[in-house]
């Protein structure tokens, strides 16, 4: 293929995409958190632990998943509820809700809690650290923008 043919093909592809109205889908948001904040831990300490142990794989920005799904509004949300993240079949089939008890069990040892999980984090055996992380997660609350048409 000649250089001119390659350029023509590139321009044609871009033009077709523009004419087709191709645009990226809007980010998926969880519903606002309805549970009261979890007060059995220290949210500030939990944020530090989150930054050290969780932020490598999880973001807090809807529509910006990483190795793991974004975690904004995760506290009290159904498991595997974002359409823009590819969850494991095992997690999709649990019908879990991410309340304090479920999060505690899962964060303690995700592979033990759900053997076919995609979460490959090291276990967190310290109950106080888990309570702090859960307290922090319970503060992550963001309303869905009204400009989205989903």
N, C-alpha and C. Protein backbone atom coordinates (compact mmCIF):
# COMPACT_ATOMS: atom_id res chain seq x y z
N UNK A 1 0.85 -1.16 0.00
CA UNK A 1 0.00 0.00 0.00
C UNK A 1 0.90 1.23 0.00
N UNK A 2 0.59 2.16 -0.88
CA UNK A 2 1.41 3.37 -0.98
C UNK A 2 1.10 4.32 0.18
N UNK A 3 2.00 5.26 0.40
CA UNK A 3 1.83 6.25 1.47
C UNK A 3 0.56 7.08 1.24
N UNK A 4 0.28 7.42 -0.01
CA UNK A 4 -0.93 8.19 -0.33
C UNK A 4 -2.18 7.37 -0.02
N UNK A 5 -2.15 6.08 -0.31
CA UNK A 5 -3.29 5.21 -0.02
C UNK A 5 -3.52 5.11 1.48
N UNK A 6 -2.44 5.01 2.24
CA UNK A 6 -2.56 4.95 3.70
C UNK A 6 -3.20 6.22 4.24
N UNK A 7 -2.75 7.37 3.75
CA UNK A 7 -3.32 8.65 4.21
C UNK A 7 -4.80 8.72 3.85
N UNK A 8 -5.13 8.33 2.63
CA UNK A 8 -6.52 8.37 2.18
C UNK A 8 -7.40 7.48 3.07
N UNK A 9 -6.89 6.28 3.37
CA UNK A 9 -7.63 5.35 4.21
C UNK A 9 -7.83 5.94 5.61
N UNK A 10 -6.80 6.58 6.14
CA UNK A 10 -6.91 7.20 7.46
C UNK A 10 -7.93 8.32 7.47
N UNK A 11 -7.89 9.19 6.47
CA UNK A 11 -8.86 10.30 6.38
C UNK A 11 -10.27 9.75 6.21
N UNK A 12 -10.42 8.73 5.41
CA UNK A 12 -11.73 8.12 5.19
C UNK A 12 -12.27 7.52 6.48
N UNK A 13 -11.43 6.84 7.24
CA UNK A 13 -11.86 6.24 8.51
C UNK A 13 -12.32 7.30 9.49
N UNK A 14 -11.51 8.35 9.65
CA UNK A 14 -11.88 9.44 10.56
C UNK A 14 -13.18 10.09 10.11
N UNK A 15 -13.33 10.33 8.83
CA UNK A 15 -14.55 10.95 8.31
C UNK A 15 -15.77 10.09 8.59
N UNK A 16 -15.64 8.79 8.40
CA UNK A 16 -16.77 7.90 8.65
C UNK A 16 -17.16 7.91 10.12
N UNK A 17 -16.18 7.92 10.98
CA UNK A 17 -16.47 7.97 12.42
C UNK A 17 -17.19 9.26 12.78
N UNK A 18 -16.75 10.36 12.21
CA UNK A 18 -17.39 11.65 12.51
C UNK A 18 -18.82 11.68 11.99
N UNK A 19 -19.04 11.16 10.82
CA UNK A 19 -20.38 11.16 10.24
C UNK A 19 -21.31 10.20 10.96
N UNK A 20 -20.76 9.15 11.53
CA UNK A 20 -21.60 8.17 12.21
C UNK A 20 -22.05 8.63 13.59
N UNK A 21 -21.53 9.77 14.04
CA UNK A 21 -21.91 10.25 15.36
C UNK A 21 -21.24 9.45 16.46
N UNK A 22 -20.14 8.79 16.13
CA UNK A 22 -19.44 7.96 17.10
C UNK A 22 -18.93 8.82 18.25
N UNK A 23 -19.35 8.48 19.43
CA UNK A 23 -18.85 9.16 20.62
C UNK A 23 -18.78 8.15 21.73
N UNK A 24 -17.91 8.42 22.67
CA UNK A 24 -17.75 7.46 23.76
C UNK A 24 -18.97 7.51 24.66
N UNK A 25 -19.33 6.38 25.25
CA UNK A 25 -20.49 6.36 26.13
C UNK A 25 -20.21 7.17 27.39
N UNK A 26 -21.23 7.73 27.99
CA UNK A 26 -21.01 8.49 29.23
C UNK A 26 -20.57 7.54 30.34
N UNK A 27 -19.86 8.07 31.33
CA UNK A 27 -19.44 7.20 32.43
C UNK A 27 -20.64 6.68 33.20
N UNK A 28 -20.48 5.50 33.75
CA UNK A 28 -21.54 4.90 34.56
C UNK A 28 -21.36 5.36 36.01
N UNK A 29 -22.44 5.70 36.65
CA UNK A 29 -22.44 6.16 38.04
C UNK A 29 -23.25 5.21 38.88
N UNK A 30 -22.81 5.03 40.11
CA UNK A 30 -23.64 4.31 41.08
C UNK A 30 -24.65 5.30 41.63
N UNK A 31 -25.75 4.78 42.14
CA UNK A 31 -26.73 5.63 42.80
C UNK A 31 -26.09 6.27 44.03
N UNK A 32 -26.60 7.41 44.46
CA UNK A 32 -26.06 8.03 45.67
C UNK A 32 -26.15 7.10 46.87
N UNK A 33 -25.21 7.23 47.77
CA UNK A 33 -25.16 6.40 48.98
C UNK A 33 -26.35 6.74 49.87
N UNK A 34 -27.05 5.72 50.31
CA UNK A 34 -28.21 5.94 51.19
C UNK A 34 -27.93 5.52 52.62
N UNK A 35 -26.88 4.75 52.85
CA UNK A 35 -26.54 4.32 54.20
C UNK A 35 -25.86 5.47 54.95
N UNK A 36 -26.06 5.55 56.26
CA UNK A 36 -25.31 6.55 57.03
C UNK A 36 -23.82 6.21 57.01
N UNK A 37 -22.99 7.20 57.20
CA UNK A 37 -21.54 6.98 57.23
C UNK A 37 -21.21 5.94 58.31
N UNK A 38 -20.22 5.13 58.02
CA UNK A 38 -19.76 4.10 58.95
C UNK A 38 -18.85 4.77 59.97
N UNK A 39 -19.18 4.66 61.24
CA UNK A 39 -18.46 5.38 62.29
C UNK A 39 -17.62 4.48 63.19
N UNK A 40 -17.48 3.22 62.84
CA UNK A 40 -16.68 2.30 63.66
C UNK A 40 -15.19 2.35 63.32
N UNK A 41 -14.82 3.23 62.40
CA UNK A 41 -13.42 3.39 62.02
C UNK A 41 -13.10 4.86 61.83
N UNK A 42 -11.85 5.14 61.58
CA UNK A 42 -11.34 6.49 61.37
C UNK A 42 -11.19 6.73 59.87
N UNK A 43 -12.06 7.56 59.30
CA UNK A 43 -12.06 7.78 57.85
C UNK A 43 -10.75 8.41 57.36
N UNK A 44 -10.16 9.30 58.14
CA UNK A 44 -8.89 9.92 57.73
C UNK A 44 -7.78 8.87 57.65
N UNK A 45 -7.72 8.00 58.64
CA UNK A 45 -6.74 6.91 58.59
C UNK A 45 -7.06 5.97 57.44
N UNK A 46 -8.34 5.74 57.21
CA UNK A 46 -8.77 4.88 56.10
C UNK A 46 -8.36 5.43 54.75
N UNK A 47 -8.39 6.75 54.60
CA UNK A 47 -7.96 7.36 53.35
C UNK A 47 -6.47 7.09 53.10
N UNK A 48 -5.67 7.18 54.13
CA UNK A 48 -4.24 6.88 53.99
C UNK A 48 -4.02 5.42 53.60
N UNK A 49 -4.75 4.52 54.24
CA UNK A 49 -4.63 3.09 53.91
C UNK A 49 -5.11 2.86 52.48
N UNK A 50 -6.22 3.48 52.11
CA UNK A 50 -6.74 3.38 50.74
C UNK A 50 -5.66 3.82 49.75
N UNK A 51 -5.05 4.98 50.00
CA UNK A 51 -4.03 5.49 49.09
C UNK A 51 -2.85 4.54 48.96
N UNK A 52 -2.48 3.88 50.05
CA UNK A 52 -1.36 2.95 50.03
C UNK A 52 -1.71 1.58 49.45
N UNK A 53 -2.91 1.08 49.76
CA UNK A 53 -3.23 -0.31 49.43
C UNK A 53 -4.24 -0.49 48.30
N UNK A 54 -5.02 0.53 48.00
CA UNK A 54 -6.14 0.34 47.06
C UNK A 54 -6.05 1.19 45.79
N UNK A 55 -5.45 2.38 45.92
CA UNK A 55 -5.48 3.35 44.82
C UNK A 55 -4.72 2.90 43.58
N UNK A 56 -3.83 1.90 43.71
CA UNK A 56 -3.13 1.40 42.53
C UNK A 56 -4.10 0.76 41.55
N UNK A 57 -5.19 0.22 42.05
CA UNK A 57 -6.14 -0.50 41.19
C UNK A 57 -7.51 0.16 41.10
N UNK A 58 -7.86 0.99 42.07
CA UNK A 58 -9.19 1.61 42.10
C UNK A 58 -9.08 3.13 42.06
N UNK A 59 -9.90 3.76 41.23
CA UNK A 59 -9.99 5.22 41.23
C UNK A 59 -11.27 5.63 41.94
N UNK A 60 -11.45 6.93 42.07
CA UNK A 60 -12.67 7.47 42.67
C UNK A 60 -13.43 8.32 41.66
N UNK A 61 -13.12 8.14 40.39
CA UNK A 61 -13.73 8.94 39.33
C UNK A 61 -14.64 8.10 38.45
N UNK A 62 -15.94 8.34 38.49
CA UNK A 62 -16.85 7.59 37.62
C UNK A 62 -16.40 7.66 36.16
N UNK A 63 -16.43 6.51 35.52
CA UNK A 63 -16.02 6.42 34.12
C UNK A 63 -14.53 6.17 33.95
N UNK A 64 -13.79 6.12 35.04
CA UNK A 64 -12.34 5.92 34.96
C UNK A 64 -11.95 4.72 35.81
N UNK A 65 -12.31 3.56 35.33
CA UNK A 65 -11.94 2.33 36.01
C UNK A 65 -10.48 2.02 35.71
N UNK A 66 -9.87 1.26 36.57
CA UNK A 66 -8.49 0.86 36.39
C UNK A 66 -8.49 -0.67 36.36
N UNK A 67 -7.54 -1.31 37.00
CA UNK A 67 -7.58 -2.77 37.11
C UNK A 67 -8.84 -3.20 37.84
N UNK A 68 -9.26 -2.38 38.79
CA UNK A 68 -10.50 -2.59 39.52
C UNK A 68 -11.47 -1.47 39.19
N UNK A 69 -12.73 -1.64 39.55
CA UNK A 69 -13.72 -0.59 39.26
C UNK A 69 -13.51 0.63 40.14
N UNK A 70 -14.00 1.77 39.67
CA UNK A 70 -13.96 2.98 40.50
C UNK A 70 -14.86 2.74 41.72
N UNK A 71 -14.56 3.41 42.82
CA UNK A 71 -15.25 3.12 44.07
C UNK A 71 -16.13 4.26 44.60
N UNK A 72 -16.36 5.29 43.84
CA UNK A 72 -17.25 6.35 44.31
C UNK A 72 -18.65 5.77 44.51
N UNK A 73 -19.26 6.06 45.64
CA UNK A 73 -20.61 5.58 46.00
C UNK A 73 -20.69 4.06 46.14
N UNK A 74 -19.57 3.41 46.43
CA UNK A 74 -19.60 1.95 46.53
C UNK A 74 -20.28 1.49 47.83
N UNK A 75 -20.19 2.29 48.90
CA UNK A 75 -20.74 1.87 50.18
C UNK A 75 -22.26 1.77 50.10
N UNK A 76 -22.78 0.56 50.30
CA UNK A 76 -24.21 0.31 50.22
C UNK A 76 -24.70 -0.04 48.83
N UNK A 77 -23.80 -0.05 47.85
CA UNK A 77 -24.18 -0.35 46.47
C UNK A 77 -24.19 -1.86 46.21
N UNK A 78 -24.99 -2.29 45.25
CA UNK A 78 -24.92 -3.70 44.85
C UNK A 78 -23.56 -4.00 44.23
N UNK A 79 -23.05 -5.18 44.45
CA UNK A 79 -21.78 -5.59 43.84
C UNK A 79 -21.98 -5.72 42.33
N UNK A 80 -20.93 -5.44 41.59
CA UNK A 80 -20.91 -5.61 40.13
C UNK A 80 -21.99 -4.79 39.44
N UNK A 81 -22.19 -3.54 39.87
CA UNK A 81 -23.30 -2.76 39.34
C UNK A 81 -22.92 -1.74 38.27
N UNK A 82 -21.66 -1.58 37.94
CA UNK A 82 -21.27 -0.62 36.91
C UNK A 82 -21.25 -1.30 35.54
N UNK A 83 -21.90 -0.69 34.58
CA UNK A 83 -21.92 -1.25 33.23
C UNK A 83 -20.61 -1.05 32.49
N UNK A 84 -19.78 -0.09 32.95
CA UNK A 84 -18.55 0.20 32.22
C UNK A 84 -17.32 -0.49 32.84
N UNK A 85 -17.55 -1.57 33.59
CA UNK A 85 -16.44 -2.37 34.13
C UNK A 85 -16.77 -3.85 33.93
N UNK A 86 -15.76 -4.62 33.56
CA UNK A 86 -15.95 -6.06 33.32
C UNK A 86 -15.66 -6.85 34.60
N UNK A 87 -16.69 -7.09 35.38
CA UNK A 87 -16.57 -7.84 36.63
C UNK A 87 -16.44 -9.34 36.34
N UNK A 88 -15.91 -10.06 37.31
CA UNK A 88 -15.87 -11.52 37.19
C UNK A 88 -17.29 -12.07 37.26
N UNK A 89 -17.51 -13.19 36.62
CA UNK A 89 -18.82 -13.84 36.71
C UNK A 89 -19.14 -14.20 38.15
N UNK A 90 -18.10 -14.58 38.90
CA UNK A 90 -18.31 -14.95 40.30
C UNK A 90 -18.92 -13.78 41.07
N UNK A 91 -18.38 -12.58 40.90
CA UNK A 91 -18.91 -11.43 41.63
C UNK A 91 -20.31 -11.06 41.13
N UNK A 92 -20.51 -11.13 39.82
CA UNK A 92 -21.84 -10.82 39.27
C UNK A 92 -22.91 -11.73 39.86
N UNK A 93 -22.56 -12.95 40.15
CA UNK A 93 -23.54 -13.93 40.63
C UNK A 93 -23.74 -13.93 42.14
N UNK A 94 -23.04 -13.06 42.86
CA UNK A 94 -23.17 -13.07 44.33
C UNK A 94 -24.43 -12.37 44.83
N UNK A 95 -24.88 -11.34 44.12
CA UNK A 95 -26.00 -10.51 44.57
C UNK A 95 -25.69 -9.84 45.91
N UNK A 96 -24.41 -9.58 46.15
CA UNK A 96 -23.98 -8.91 47.37
C UNK A 96 -24.32 -7.43 47.33
N UNK A 97 -24.38 -6.83 48.51
CA UNK A 97 -24.44 -5.39 48.69
C UNK A 97 -23.22 -5.02 49.52
N UNK A 98 -22.52 -3.96 49.12
CA UNK A 98 -21.29 -3.57 49.79
C UNK A 98 -21.58 -2.78 51.07
N UNK A 99 -22.12 -3.47 52.07
CA UNK A 99 -22.31 -2.86 53.38
C UNK A 99 -21.06 -3.13 54.22
N UNK A 100 -21.03 -2.65 55.45
CA UNK A 100 -19.84 -2.77 56.29
C UNK A 100 -19.43 -4.23 56.50
N UNK A 101 -20.38 -5.10 56.78
CA UNK A 101 -20.05 -6.51 57.01
C UNK A 101 -19.47 -7.18 55.78
N UNK A 102 -20.07 -6.94 54.62
CA UNK A 102 -19.59 -7.57 53.38
C UNK A 102 -18.22 -7.01 53.01
N UNK A 103 -18.05 -5.69 53.11
CA UNK A 103 -16.75 -5.10 52.81
C UNK A 103 -15.67 -5.63 53.75
N UNK A 104 -15.99 -5.75 55.03
CA UNK A 104 -15.02 -6.25 56.00
C UNK A 104 -14.56 -7.65 55.61
N UNK A 105 -15.49 -8.51 55.30
CA UNK A 105 -15.18 -9.89 54.93
C UNK A 105 -14.34 -9.93 53.65
N UNK A 106 -14.72 -9.12 52.66
CA UNK A 106 -14.04 -9.13 51.36
C UNK A 106 -12.65 -8.53 51.45
N UNK A 107 -12.53 -7.39 52.15
CA UNK A 107 -11.23 -6.74 52.28
C UNK A 107 -10.27 -7.60 53.11
N UNK A 108 -10.80 -8.33 54.08
CA UNK A 108 -9.95 -9.19 54.92
C UNK A 108 -9.17 -10.17 54.06
N UNK A 109 -9.84 -10.79 53.08
CA UNK A 109 -9.18 -11.74 52.18
C UNK A 109 -10.14 -12.01 51.02
N UNK A 110 -9.98 -11.24 49.96
CA UNK A 110 -10.89 -11.32 48.82
C UNK A 110 -10.92 -12.72 48.20
N UNK A 111 -9.77 -13.35 48.09
CA UNK A 111 -9.72 -14.69 47.47
C UNK A 111 -10.42 -15.73 48.34
N UNK A 112 -10.38 -15.57 49.64
CA UNK A 112 -11.08 -16.49 50.53
C UNK A 112 -12.59 -16.22 50.50
N UNK A 113 -12.95 -14.93 50.44
CA UNK A 113 -14.36 -14.55 50.43
C UNK A 113 -15.04 -14.97 49.13
N UNK A 114 -14.29 -14.89 48.02
CA UNK A 114 -14.84 -15.22 46.70
C UNK A 114 -13.71 -15.79 45.85
N UNK A 115 -13.53 -17.11 45.87
CA UNK A 115 -12.37 -17.73 45.21
C UNK A 115 -12.15 -17.34 43.75
N UNK A 116 -13.19 -17.04 43.00
CA UNK A 116 -13.00 -16.69 41.59
C UNK A 116 -13.02 -15.18 41.35
N UNK A 117 -12.70 -14.40 42.36
CA UNK A 117 -12.68 -12.95 42.21
C UNK A 117 -11.52 -12.51 41.32
N UNK A 118 -11.64 -11.33 40.74
CA UNK A 118 -10.55 -10.74 39.98
C UNK A 118 -9.63 -9.92 40.88
N UNK A 119 -10.08 -9.62 42.09
CA UNK A 119 -9.30 -8.79 43.00
C UNK A 119 -8.16 -9.62 43.58
N UNK A 120 -6.95 -9.20 43.27
CA UNK A 120 -5.77 -9.95 43.68
C UNK A 120 -5.00 -9.24 44.79
N UNK A 121 -5.68 -8.47 45.60
CA UNK A 121 -5.03 -7.73 46.69
C UNK A 121 -4.57 -8.68 47.78
N UNK A 122 -3.53 -8.23 48.47
CA UNK A 122 -3.08 -8.98 49.64
C UNK A 122 -4.17 -8.92 50.70
N UNK A 123 -4.31 -9.96 51.49
CA UNK A 123 -5.27 -9.91 52.60
C UNK A 123 -4.94 -8.76 53.55
N UNK A 124 -5.95 -8.23 54.21
CA UNK A 124 -5.78 -7.18 55.21
C UNK A 124 -6.29 -7.75 56.53
N UNK A 125 -5.42 -8.42 57.29
CA UNK A 125 -5.87 -9.12 58.49
C UNK A 125 -6.23 -8.19 59.66
N UNK A 126 -5.74 -6.96 59.67
CA UNK A 126 -5.96 -6.05 60.79
C UNK A 126 -7.38 -5.48 60.75
N UNK A 127 -8.20 -5.86 61.73
CA UNK A 127 -9.61 -5.42 61.77
C UNK A 127 -9.73 -3.91 61.87
N UNK A 128 -8.83 -3.25 62.59
CA UNK A 128 -8.89 -1.78 62.71
C UNK A 128 -8.62 -1.12 61.36
N UNK A 129 -7.64 -1.61 60.63
CA UNK A 129 -7.36 -1.06 59.30
C UNK A 129 -8.57 -1.24 58.39
N UNK A 130 -9.19 -2.40 58.43
CA UNK A 130 -10.38 -2.63 57.59
C UNK A 130 -11.49 -1.67 57.99
N UNK A 131 -11.71 -1.49 59.29
CA UNK A 131 -12.75 -0.57 59.75
C UNK A 131 -12.46 0.85 59.27
N UNK A 132 -11.19 1.24 59.28
CA UNK A 132 -10.82 2.58 58.82
C UNK A 132 -11.08 2.73 57.32
N UNK A 133 -10.74 1.71 56.55
CA UNK A 133 -10.99 1.76 55.09
C UNK A 133 -12.49 1.83 54.83
N UNK A 134 -13.26 1.04 55.54
CA UNK A 134 -14.72 1.06 55.36
C UNK A 134 -15.28 2.42 55.74
N UNK A 135 -14.78 3.01 56.81
CA UNK A 135 -15.22 4.36 57.20
C UNK A 135 -14.92 5.35 56.08
N UNK A 136 -13.74 5.25 55.49
CA UNK A 136 -13.40 6.14 54.37
C UNK A 136 -14.31 5.89 53.17
N UNK A 137 -14.48 4.63 52.78
CA UNK A 137 -15.35 4.32 51.64
C UNK A 137 -16.76 4.85 51.86
N UNK A 138 -17.21 4.84 53.11
CA UNK A 138 -18.58 5.31 53.40
C UNK A 138 -18.72 6.82 53.23
N UNK A 139 -17.60 7.53 53.16
CA UNK A 139 -17.66 8.99 52.95
C UNK A 139 -17.63 9.37 51.48
N UNK A 140 -17.36 8.42 50.61
CA UNK A 140 -17.24 8.71 49.17
C UNK A 140 -18.63 8.81 48.57
N UNK A 141 -19.11 10.04 48.48
CA UNK A 141 -20.49 10.29 48.04
C UNK A 141 -20.51 11.37 46.98
N UNK A 142 -21.10 11.05 45.86
CA UNK A 142 -21.19 12.01 44.77
C UNK A 142 -22.52 11.81 44.06
N UNK A 143 -23.23 12.90 43.86
CA UNK A 143 -24.48 12.85 43.11
C UNK A 143 -24.19 12.63 41.63
N UNK A 144 -25.06 11.95 40.97
CA UNK A 144 -24.95 11.75 39.52
C UNK A 144 -25.25 13.09 38.85
N UNK A 145 -24.37 13.55 37.95
CA UNK A 145 -24.64 14.82 37.25
C UNK A 145 -25.97 14.75 36.52
N UNK A 146 -26.72 15.83 36.58
CA UNK A 146 -28.03 15.86 35.92
C UNK A 146 -27.91 16.03 34.41
N UNK A 147 -26.74 16.33 33.91
CA UNK A 147 -26.56 16.53 32.47
C UNK A 147 -26.42 15.22 31.70
N UNK A 148 -26.27 14.11 32.42
CA UNK A 148 -26.14 12.82 31.74
C UNK A 148 -27.51 12.29 31.34
N UNK A 149 -27.61 11.81 30.16
CA UNK A 149 -28.85 11.19 29.69
C UNK A 149 -28.63 9.70 29.55
N UNK A 150 -28.82 9.00 30.64
CA UNK A 150 -28.63 7.54 30.59
C UNK A 150 -29.95 6.85 30.72
